[in-house]
Amino acid sequence: MLRSMSRLLATSFALLWAASGLIFAQVTADPPRRPEGGRRQQPPEQRDTRNLDNLKAALKLDPDHAAKFDSILDDSRRARASLDEEMRAGRARLLQAVREGKSDVDLEKLNQAQGSTYAKISANEVWAMSRIYALLNDDQKKIAEAAFNRVESVTAQRPPGFPVQRQQ
């Protein structure tokens, strides 16, 4: 009798544990980005590629300038990849420090390092934009400025601290 009750209890516990895992998985699953029939958002990489292709088309770059444009962007992407990895590692160090109950001084040091990495990301973007801008003639600069102003107007509407893009 005791053996059958312990088996029943163990089986019940196993079923409850499995069911709670399924419920947790359903609750924490990513919700759809758009309602049924709505337009789905593209991943940031696809959106960036589309936007750059549109900008290059609007600028009407000759083949030489288009090759230089692509080279500048490739250099910037390579630098950005290592900076993105540095940013992820910094976030992990910050989270670990919080979990370990590190002092405010220790957290501030880690936060300063994270801010330095963000500054490098910003400098990389400015470097790429300045090199591209230097390739353009006056008419192309007007087109580029209009595109940059559209981007700025969108980002200016976000609340302070809102992530600009690539949250991973």
N, C-alpha and C. Protein backbone atom coordinates (compact mmCIF):
# COMPACT_ATOMS: atom_id res chain seq x y z
N MET A 1 0.83 -1.19 0.00
CA MET A 1 0.00 0.00 0.00
C MET A 1 0.87 1.25 0.00
N LEU A 2 1.88 1.26 0.87
CA LEU A 2 2.78 2.41 0.96
C LEU A 2 3.55 2.58 -0.34
N ARG A 3 3.96 1.45 -0.93
CA ARG A 3 4.69 1.50 -2.17
C ARG A 3 3.83 2.05 -3.30
N SER A 4 2.58 1.64 -3.38
CA SER A 4 1.68 2.13 -4.43
C SER A 4 1.37 3.61 -4.24
N MET A 5 1.25 4.05 -2.99
CA MET A 5 1.00 5.48 -2.73
C MET A 5 2.21 6.31 -3.12
N SER A 6 3.41 5.80 -2.84
CA SER A 6 4.60 6.57 -3.19
C SER A 6 4.75 6.63 -4.71
N ARG A 7 4.39 5.55 -5.42
CA ARG A 7 4.42 5.58 -6.88
C ARG A 7 3.40 6.57 -7.42
N LEU A 8 2.22 6.57 -6.86
CA LEU A 8 1.17 7.49 -7.26
C LEU A 8 1.62 8.93 -7.02
N LEU A 9 2.19 9.18 -5.87
CA LEU A 9 2.68 10.51 -5.54
C LEU A 9 3.81 10.93 -6.48
N ALA A 10 4.74 10.03 -6.75
CA ALA A 10 5.85 10.33 -7.66
C ALA A 10 5.33 10.60 -9.06
N THR A 11 4.37 9.80 -9.53
CA THR A 11 3.80 9.99 -10.86
C THR A 11 3.05 11.32 -10.92
N SER A 12 2.28 11.63 -9.89
CA SER A 12 1.54 12.90 -9.85
C SER A 12 2.50 14.08 -9.88
N PHE A 13 3.58 13.97 -9.10
CA PHE A 13 4.56 15.04 -9.05
C PHE A 13 5.21 15.23 -10.42
N ALA A 14 5.55 14.12 -11.09
CA ALA A 14 6.18 14.20 -12.41
C ALA A 14 5.24 14.85 -13.42
N LEU A 15 3.95 14.47 -13.37
CA LEU A 15 2.98 15.06 -14.29
C LEU A 15 2.80 16.56 -14.02
N LEU A 16 2.71 16.93 -12.75
CA LEU A 16 2.60 18.36 -12.41
C LEU A 16 3.83 19.13 -12.87
N TRP A 17 5.00 18.55 -12.67
CA TRP A 17 6.23 19.22 -13.06
C TRP A 17 6.27 19.42 -14.57
N ALA A 18 5.89 18.39 -15.33
CA ALA A 18 5.87 18.49 -16.79
C ALA A 18 4.83 19.51 -17.25
N ALA A 19 3.66 19.48 -16.63
CA ALA A 19 2.61 20.43 -17.01
C ALA A 19 3.03 21.86 -16.71
N SER A 20 3.68 22.08 -15.57
CA SER A 20 4.11 23.45 -15.24
C SER A 20 5.16 23.93 -16.24
N GLY A 21 6.01 23.02 -16.72
CA GLY A 21 6.99 23.39 -17.74
C GLY A 21 6.31 23.80 -19.03
N LEU A 22 5.28 23.08 -19.43
CA LEU A 22 4.54 23.43 -20.64
C LEU A 22 3.84 24.78 -20.49
N ILE A 23 3.23 24.99 -19.35
CA ILE A 23 2.54 26.26 -19.11
C ILE A 23 3.54 27.41 -19.13
N PHE A 24 4.69 27.21 -18.45
CA PHE A 24 5.71 28.25 -18.41
C PHE A 24 6.20 28.56 -19.82
N ALA A 25 6.39 27.51 -20.64
CA ALA A 25 6.87 27.72 -22.01
C ALA A 25 5.86 28.51 -22.82
N GLN A 26 4.57 28.23 -22.61
CA GLN A 26 3.55 28.96 -23.35
C GLN A 26 3.46 30.41 -22.90
N VAL A 27 3.59 30.65 -21.61
CA VAL A 27 3.48 32.01 -21.08
C VAL A 27 4.67 32.86 -21.51
N THR A 28 5.87 32.27 -21.55
CA THR A 28 7.06 33.04 -21.86
C THR A 28 7.40 33.06 -23.34
N ALA A 29 6.64 32.34 -24.17
CA ALA A 29 6.91 32.35 -25.60
C ALA A 29 6.73 33.76 -26.16
N ASP A 30 7.52 34.08 -27.19
CA ASP A 30 7.41 35.40 -27.80
C ASP A 30 6.04 35.57 -28.43
N PRO A 31 5.36 36.68 -28.12
CA PRO A 31 4.08 36.93 -28.77
C PRO A 31 4.33 37.34 -30.22
N PRO A 32 3.34 37.16 -31.08
CA PRO A 32 3.53 37.59 -32.47
C PRO A 32 3.78 39.10 -32.51
N ARG A 33 4.59 39.52 -33.46
CA ARG A 33 4.94 40.95 -33.54
C ARG A 33 3.77 41.79 -34.04
N ARG A 34 2.98 41.23 -34.88
CA ARG A 34 1.84 41.95 -35.45
C ARG A 34 0.59 41.07 -35.35
N PRO A 35 -0.59 41.68 -35.28
CA PRO A 35 -1.82 40.88 -35.27
C PRO A 35 -2.00 40.16 -36.60
N GLU A 36 -2.89 39.17 -36.59
CA GLU A 36 -3.18 38.40 -37.80
C GLU A 36 -3.44 39.33 -38.97
N GLY A 37 -2.81 39.03 -40.09
CA GLY A 37 -3.04 39.82 -41.29
C GLY A 37 -2.21 41.09 -41.34
N GLY A 38 -1.55 41.46 -40.24
CA GLY A 38 -0.75 42.67 -40.23
C GLY A 38 0.61 42.42 -40.84
N ARG A 39 1.31 43.51 -41.12
CA ARG A 39 2.64 43.40 -41.70
C ARG A 39 3.64 43.01 -40.62
N ARG A 40 4.48 42.05 -40.88
CA ARG A 40 5.48 41.61 -39.91
C ARG A 40 6.73 42.47 -40.05
N GLN A 41 7.35 42.75 -38.94
CA GLN A 41 8.60 43.50 -38.96
C GLN A 41 9.72 42.61 -39.48
N GLN A 42 10.63 43.24 -40.20
CA GLN A 42 11.79 42.51 -40.68
C GLN A 42 12.85 42.51 -39.59
N PRO A 43 13.72 41.51 -39.60
CA PRO A 43 14.85 41.54 -38.68
C PRO A 43 15.71 42.78 -38.98
N PRO A 44 16.40 43.32 -37.98
CA PRO A 44 17.18 44.54 -38.19
C PRO A 44 18.16 44.47 -39.35
N GLU A 45 18.80 43.31 -39.56
CA GLU A 45 19.78 43.19 -40.63
C GLU A 45 19.12 43.37 -42.00
N GLN A 46 17.95 42.76 -42.18
CA GLN A 46 17.23 42.90 -43.45
C GLN A 46 16.74 44.32 -43.65
N ARG A 47 16.25 44.92 -42.57
CA ARG A 47 15.77 46.30 -42.65
C ARG A 47 16.92 47.25 -42.99
N ASP A 48 18.08 47.05 -42.35
CA ASP A 48 19.24 47.89 -42.63
C ASP A 48 19.69 47.75 -44.08
N THR A 49 19.73 46.52 -44.56
CA THR A 49 20.14 46.28 -45.95
C THR A 49 19.17 46.96 -46.91
N ARG A 50 17.87 46.82 -46.65
CA ARG A 50 16.87 47.46 -47.50
C ARG A 50 17.03 48.98 -47.49
N ASN A 51 17.22 49.56 -46.30
CA ASN A 51 17.36 51.01 -46.19
C ASN A 51 18.61 51.50 -46.91
N LEU A 52 19.73 50.76 -46.77
CA LEU A 52 20.96 51.16 -47.47
C LEU A 52 20.82 51.03 -48.97
N ASP A 53 20.16 49.97 -49.43
CA ASP A 53 19.93 49.82 -50.87
C ASP A 53 19.08 50.96 -51.40
N ASN A 54 18.05 51.36 -50.64
CA ASN A 54 17.21 52.48 -51.05
C ASN A 54 18.02 53.78 -51.09
N LEU A 55 18.87 53.98 -50.09
CA LEU A 55 19.69 55.19 -50.05
C LEU A 55 20.66 55.21 -51.23
N LYS A 56 21.32 54.08 -51.51
CA LYS A 56 22.24 54.04 -52.65
C LYS A 56 21.51 54.32 -53.96
N ALA A 57 20.32 53.79 -54.10
CA ALA A 57 19.54 54.04 -55.32
C ALA A 57 19.17 55.51 -55.42
N ALA A 58 18.75 56.11 -54.31
CA ALA A 58 18.36 57.53 -54.32
C ALA A 58 19.56 58.42 -54.61
N LEU A 59 20.73 58.03 -54.14
CA LEU A 59 21.95 58.83 -54.37
C LEU A 59 22.48 58.69 -55.79
N LYS A 60 22.05 57.67 -56.50
CA LYS A 60 22.49 57.40 -57.87
C LYS A 60 24.02 57.38 -57.95
N LEU A 61 24.61 56.52 -57.13
CA LEU A 61 26.06 56.39 -57.08
C LEU A 61 26.59 55.73 -58.34
N ASP A 62 27.72 56.24 -58.86
CA ASP A 62 28.36 55.56 -59.98
C ASP A 62 29.04 54.31 -59.43
N PRO A 63 29.45 53.38 -60.29
CA PRO A 63 30.02 52.11 -59.79
C PRO A 63 31.22 52.30 -58.86
N ASP A 64 32.08 53.27 -59.15
CA ASP A 64 33.25 53.51 -58.31
C ASP A 64 32.84 53.97 -56.91
N HIS A 65 31.92 54.92 -56.86
CA HIS A 65 31.44 55.41 -55.56
C HIS A 65 30.65 54.35 -54.81
N ALA A 66 29.89 53.54 -55.55
CA ALA A 66 29.13 52.46 -54.91
C ALA A 66 30.08 51.45 -54.27
N ALA A 67 31.19 51.14 -54.94
CA ALA A 67 32.17 50.21 -54.38
C ALA A 67 32.81 50.80 -53.12
N LYS A 68 33.14 52.09 -53.16
CA LYS A 68 33.72 52.75 -51.98
C LYS A 68 32.71 52.78 -50.83
N PHE A 69 31.44 53.07 -51.16
CA PHE A 69 30.35 53.09 -50.18
C PHE A 69 30.27 51.74 -49.47
N ASP A 70 30.25 50.66 -50.29
CA ASP A 70 30.17 49.31 -49.73
C ASP A 70 31.39 48.97 -48.89
N SER A 71 32.57 49.40 -49.33
CA SER A 71 33.81 49.13 -48.58
C SER A 71 33.78 49.82 -47.21
N ILE A 72 33.32 51.05 -47.17
CA ILE A 72 33.21 51.79 -45.91
C ILE A 72 32.25 51.07 -44.97
N LEU A 73 31.11 50.65 -45.51
CA LEU A 73 30.13 49.95 -44.68
C LEU A 73 30.65 48.60 -44.19
N ASP A 74 31.38 47.89 -45.04
CA ASP A 74 31.94 46.60 -44.62
C ASP A 74 32.94 46.80 -43.48
N ASP A 75 33.80 47.81 -43.60
CA ASP A 75 34.76 48.10 -42.53
C ASP A 75 34.03 48.44 -41.23
N SER A 76 32.98 49.24 -41.36
CA SER A 76 32.20 49.65 -40.19
C SER A 76 31.50 48.45 -39.55
N ARG A 77 30.96 47.56 -40.38
CA ARG A 77 30.27 46.36 -39.86
C ARG A 77 31.23 45.43 -39.12
N ARG A 78 32.44 45.28 -39.67
CA ARG A 78 33.43 44.43 -39.00
C ARG A 78 33.78 45.00 -37.62
N ALA A 79 34.00 46.31 -37.57
CA ALA A 79 34.31 46.94 -36.29
C ALA A 79 33.12 46.84 -35.35
N ARG A 80 31.93 47.00 -35.87
CA ARG A 80 30.73 46.95 -35.06
C ARG A 80 30.49 45.56 -34.47
N ALA A 81 30.83 44.52 -35.21
CA ALA A 81 30.62 43.16 -34.72
C ALA A 81 31.41 42.91 -33.44
N SER A 82 32.67 43.33 -33.42
CA SER A 82 33.46 43.12 -32.21
C SER A 82 32.96 44.02 -31.07
N LEU A 83 32.49 45.21 -31.42
CA LEU A 83 31.95 46.10 -30.39
C LEU A 83 30.64 45.56 -29.82
N ASP A 84 29.82 44.96 -30.67
CA ASP A 84 28.57 44.35 -30.18
C ASP A 84 28.88 43.22 -29.21
N GLU A 85 29.89 42.42 -29.53
CA GLU A 85 30.29 41.33 -28.64
C GLU A 85 30.81 41.90 -27.32
N GLU A 86 31.57 42.97 -27.40
CA GLU A 86 32.08 43.63 -26.19
C GLU A 86 30.92 44.17 -25.34
N MET A 87 29.91 44.71 -25.99
CA MET A 87 28.74 45.23 -25.28
C MET A 87 27.98 44.11 -24.58
N ARG A 88 27.78 42.96 -25.26
CA ARG A 88 27.09 41.82 -24.65
C ARG A 88 27.87 41.30 -23.44
N ALA A 89 29.19 41.21 -23.59
CA ALA A 89 30.03 40.72 -22.49
C ALA A 89 29.96 41.69 -21.31
N GLY A 90 29.93 42.98 -21.58
CA GLY A 90 29.82 43.98 -20.51
C GLY A 90 28.50 43.87 -19.78
N ARG A 91 27.41 43.64 -20.54
CA ARG A 91 26.09 43.47 -19.89
C ARG A 91 26.09 42.24 -19.01
N ALA A 92 26.74 41.18 -19.48
CA ALA A 92 26.81 39.95 -18.68
C ALA A 92 27.61 40.21 -17.40
N ARG A 93 28.71 40.96 -17.49
CA ARG A 93 29.49 41.28 -16.30
C ARG A 93 28.68 42.13 -15.32
N LEU A 94 27.92 43.08 -15.84
CA LEU A 94 27.07 43.91 -14.98
C LEU A 94 26.02 43.07 -14.27
N LEU A 95 25.37 42.19 -15.00
CA LEU A 95 24.35 41.34 -14.41
C LEU A 95 24.95 40.43 -13.34
N GLN A 96 26.11 39.87 -13.63
CA GLN A 96 26.77 39.01 -12.64
C GLN A 96 27.13 39.80 -11.39
N ALA A 97 27.59 41.03 -11.56
CA ALA A 97 27.95 41.86 -10.41
C ALA A 97 26.73 42.18 -9.56
N VAL A 98 25.60 42.42 -10.20
CA VAL A 98 24.36 42.69 -9.47
C VAL A 98 23.95 41.44 -8.70
N ARG A 99 24.02 40.29 -9.36
CA ARG A 99 23.65 39.03 -8.69
C ARG A 99 24.55 38.75 -7.48
N GLU A 100 25.82 39.12 -7.59
CA GLU A 100 26.76 38.88 -6.50
C GLU A 100 26.70 39.95 -5.42
N GLY A 101 25.88 40.97 -5.63
CA GLY A 101 25.73 42.03 -4.63
C GLY A 101 26.96 42.92 -4.52
N LYS A 102 27.64 43.16 -5.64
CA LYS A 102 28.83 44.00 -5.63
C LYS A 102 28.49 45.42 -5.16
N SER A 103 29.50 46.13 -4.72
CA SER A 103 29.31 47.48 -4.20
C SER A 103 28.98 48.46 -5.32
N ASP A 104 28.46 49.62 -4.94
CA ASP A 104 28.14 50.66 -5.92
C ASP A 104 29.39 51.10 -6.67
N VAL A 105 30.52 51.12 -6.00
CA VAL A 105 31.78 51.51 -6.65
C VAL A 105 32.13 50.50 -7.75
N ASP A 106 32.01 49.22 -7.45
CA ASP A 106 32.28 48.19 -8.46
C ASP A 106 31.31 48.28 -9.63
N LEU A 107 30.03 48.49 -9.32
CA LEU A 107 29.03 48.61 -10.38
C LEU A 107 29.30 49.84 -11.24
N GLU A 108 29.72 50.93 -10.63
CA GLU A 108 30.02 52.15 -11.38
C GLU A 108 31.20 51.93 -12.33
N LYS A 109 32.22 51.21 -11.88
CA LYS A 109 33.37 50.91 -12.75
C LYS A 109 32.92 50.10 -13.97
N LEU A 110 32.10 49.09 -13.73
CA LEU A 110 31.59 48.28 -14.84
C LEU A 110 30.71 49.10 -15.77
N ASN A 111 29.92 49.99 -15.19
CA ASN A 111 29.05 50.83 -15.99
C ASN A 111 29.87 51.82 -16.83
N GLN A 112 30.95 52.34 -16.27
CA GLN A 112 31.82 53.24 -17.02
C GLN A 112 32.44 52.50 -18.22
N ALA A 113 32.85 51.27 -18.01
CA ALA A 113 33.41 50.48 -19.10
C ALA A 113 32.36 50.26 -20.19
N GLN A 114 31.13 50.02 -19.77
CA GLN A 114 30.03 49.83 -20.73
C GLN A 114 29.78 51.11 -21.51
N GLY A 115 29.84 52.24 -20.82
CA GLY A 115 29.67 53.54 -21.49
C GLY A 115 30.79 53.80 -22.50
N SER A 116 31.99 53.38 -22.18
CA SER A 116 33.11 53.52 -23.09
C SER A 116 32.89 52.70 -24.37
N THR A 117 32.35 51.51 -24.21
CA THR A 117 32.05 50.67 -25.38
C THR A 117 30.97 51.32 -26.23
N TYR A 118 29.95 51.89 -25.60
CA TYR A 118 28.90 52.57 -26.35
C TYR A 118 29.48 53.77 -27.11
N ALA A 119 30.41 54.48 -26.49
CA ALA A 119 31.05 55.61 -27.17
C ALA A 119 31.83 55.14 -28.40
N LYS A 120 32.46 53.96 -28.31
CA LYS A 120 33.18 53.41 -29.46
C LYS A 120 32.20 53.07 -30.59
N ILE A 121 31.04 52.55 -30.23
CA ILE A 121 30.01 52.24 -31.24
C ILE A 121 29.57 53.51 -31.94
N SER A 122 29.32 54.55 -31.17
CA SER A 122 28.91 55.83 -31.73
C SER A 122 30.00 56.40 -32.64
N ALA A 123 31.25 56.33 -32.19
CA ALA A 123 32.37 56.83 -33.00
C ALA A 123 32.49 56.06 -34.31
N ASN A 124 32.26 54.76 -34.28
CA ASN A 124 32.29 53.94 -35.49
C ASN A 124 31.23 54.40 -36.48
N GLU A 125 30.02 54.68 -35.99
CA GLU A 125 28.94 55.14 -36.86
C GLU A 125 29.26 56.50 -37.46
N VAL A 126 29.81 57.40 -36.65
CA VAL A 126 30.17 58.74 -37.14
C VAL A 126 31.28 58.63 -38.18
N TRP A 127 32.27 57.76 -37.92
CA TRP A 127 33.35 57.56 -38.87
C TRP A 127 32.80 57.14 -40.23
N ALA A 128 31.90 56.15 -40.24
CA ALA A 128 31.34 55.65 -41.49
C ALA A 128 30.53 56.74 -42.19
N MET A 129 29.70 57.46 -41.45
CA MET A 129 28.89 58.51 -42.06
C MET A 129 29.78 59.61 -42.65
N SER A 130 30.84 59.99 -41.95
CA SER A 130 31.70 61.06 -42.47
C SER A 130 32.42 60.63 -43.73
N ARG A 131 32.84 59.36 -43.80
CA ARG A 131 33.53 58.87 -45.01
C ARG A 131 32.56 58.80 -46.19
N ILE A 132 31.35 58.36 -45.93
CA ILE A 132 30.35 58.30 -47.00
C ILE A 132 29.99 59.71 -47.47
N TYR A 133 29.79 60.60 -46.53
CA TYR A 133 29.42 61.98 -46.86
C TYR A 133 30.50 62.63 -47.73
N ALA A 134 31.77 62.31 -47.46
CA ALA A 134 32.87 62.88 -48.23
C ALA A 134 32.87 62.41 -49.69
N LEU A 135 32.25 61.26 -49.97
CA LEU A 135 32.17 60.75 -51.34
C LEU A 135 31.15 61.49 -52.20
N LEU A 136 30.20 62.16 -51.56
CA LEU A 136 29.03 62.67 -52.27
C LEU A 136 29.27 64.06 -52.86
N ASN A 137 28.59 64.31 -54.00
CA ASN A 137 28.57 65.67 -54.55
C ASN A 137 27.47 66.47 -53.84
N ASP A 138 27.33 67.74 -54.17
CA ASP A 138 26.38 68.60 -53.47
C ASP A 138 24.94 68.13 -53.57
N ASP A 139 24.52 67.67 -54.76
CA ASP A 139 23.15 67.18 -54.91
C ASP A 139 22.92 65.91 -54.09
N GLN A 140 23.90 65.02 -54.08
CA GLN A 140 23.78 63.79 -53.31
C GLN A 140 23.77 64.09 -51.80
N LYS A 141 24.53 65.10 -51.39
CA LYS A 141 24.54 65.48 -49.97
C LYS A 141 23.17 65.94 -49.51
N LYS A 142 22.45 66.65 -50.38
CA LYS A 142 21.09 67.09 -50.03
C LYS A 142 20.17 65.89 -49.84
N ILE A 143 20.29 64.91 -50.72
CA ILE A 143 19.48 63.68 -50.61
C ILE A 143 19.83 62.95 -49.32
N ALA A 144 21.13 62.82 -49.04
CA ALA A 144 21.57 62.13 -47.82
C ALA A 144 21.09 62.87 -46.57
N GLU A 145 21.19 64.19 -46.57
CA GLU A 145 20.73 64.96 -45.41
C GLU A 145 19.24 64.77 -45.19
N ALA A 146 18.46 64.71 -46.23
CA ALA A 146 17.02 64.48 -46.09
C ALA A 146 16.78 63.10 -45.47
N ALA A 147 17.53 62.10 -45.89
CA ALA A 147 17.39 60.75 -45.32
C ALA A 147 17.80 60.75 -43.86
N PHE A 148 18.92 61.40 -43.53
CA PHE A 148 19.37 61.46 -42.14
C PHE A 148 18.36 62.21 -41.27
N ASN A 149 17.75 63.26 -41.82
CA ASN A 149 16.74 64.02 -41.06
C ASN A 149 15.51 63.18 -40.78
N ARG A 150 15.12 62.32 -41.73
CA ARG A 150 13.98 61.43 -41.49
C ARG A 150 14.29 60.47 -40.35
N VAL A 151 15.48 59.92 -40.36
CA VAL A 151 15.88 59.01 -39.28
C VAL A 151 15.90 59.76 -37.95
N GLU A 152 16.46 60.95 -37.94
CA GLU A 152 16.53 61.75 -36.71
C GLU A 152 15.15 62.08 -36.18
N SER A 153 14.20 62.39 -37.07
CA SER A 153 12.85 62.72 -36.60
C SER A 153 12.18 61.52 -35.95
N VAL A 154 12.46 60.32 -36.44
CA VAL A 154 11.89 59.11 -35.85
C VAL A 154 12.51 58.86 -34.48
N THR A 155 13.85 58.95 -34.39
CA THR A 155 14.51 58.66 -33.12
C THR A 155 14.24 59.75 -32.09
N ALA A 156 13.98 60.97 -32.52
CA ALA A 156 13.71 62.06 -31.57
C ALA A 156 12.36 61.86 -30.88
N GLN A 157 11.45 61.09 -31.48
CA GLN A 157 10.13 60.86 -30.90
C GLN A 157 10.15 59.78 -29.83
N ARG A 158 11.26 59.06 -29.70
CA ARG A 158 11.35 57.99 -28.71
C ARG A 158 11.61 58.59 -27.34
N PRO A 159 11.12 57.92 -26.30
CA PRO A 159 11.39 58.40 -24.95
C PRO A 159 12.88 58.26 -24.62
N PRO A 160 13.39 59.09 -23.71
CA PRO A 160 14.81 58.97 -23.33
C PRO A 160 15.15 57.56 -22.86
N GLY A 161 16.30 57.07 -23.31
CA GLY A 161 16.75 55.74 -22.91
C GLY A 161 16.17 54.63 -23.77
N PHE A 162 15.32 54.97 -24.74
CA PHE A 162 14.73 53.96 -25.60
C PHE A 162 15.81 53.39 -26.49
N PRO A 163 15.90 52.06 -26.63
CA PRO A 163 16.95 51.48 -27.46
C PRO A 163 16.79 51.92 -28.91
N VAL A 164 17.87 52.33 -29.51
CA VAL A 164 17.83 52.83 -30.87
C VAL A 164 17.53 51.71 -31.86
N GLN A 165 18.21 50.58 -31.75
CA GLN A 165 17.96 49.46 -32.61
C GLN A 165 18.44 48.20 -31.98
N ARG A 166 19.14 47.41 -32.63
CA ARG A 166 19.73 46.12 -32.32
C ARG A 166 19.76 45.69 -30.87
N GLN A 167 18.64 45.35 -30.29
CA GLN A 167 18.62 44.72 -28.95
C GLN A 167 18.71 43.23 -29.19
N GLN A 168 19.68 42.60 -28.55
CA GLN A 168 19.85 41.16 -28.74
C GLN A 168 19.83 40.43 -27.46
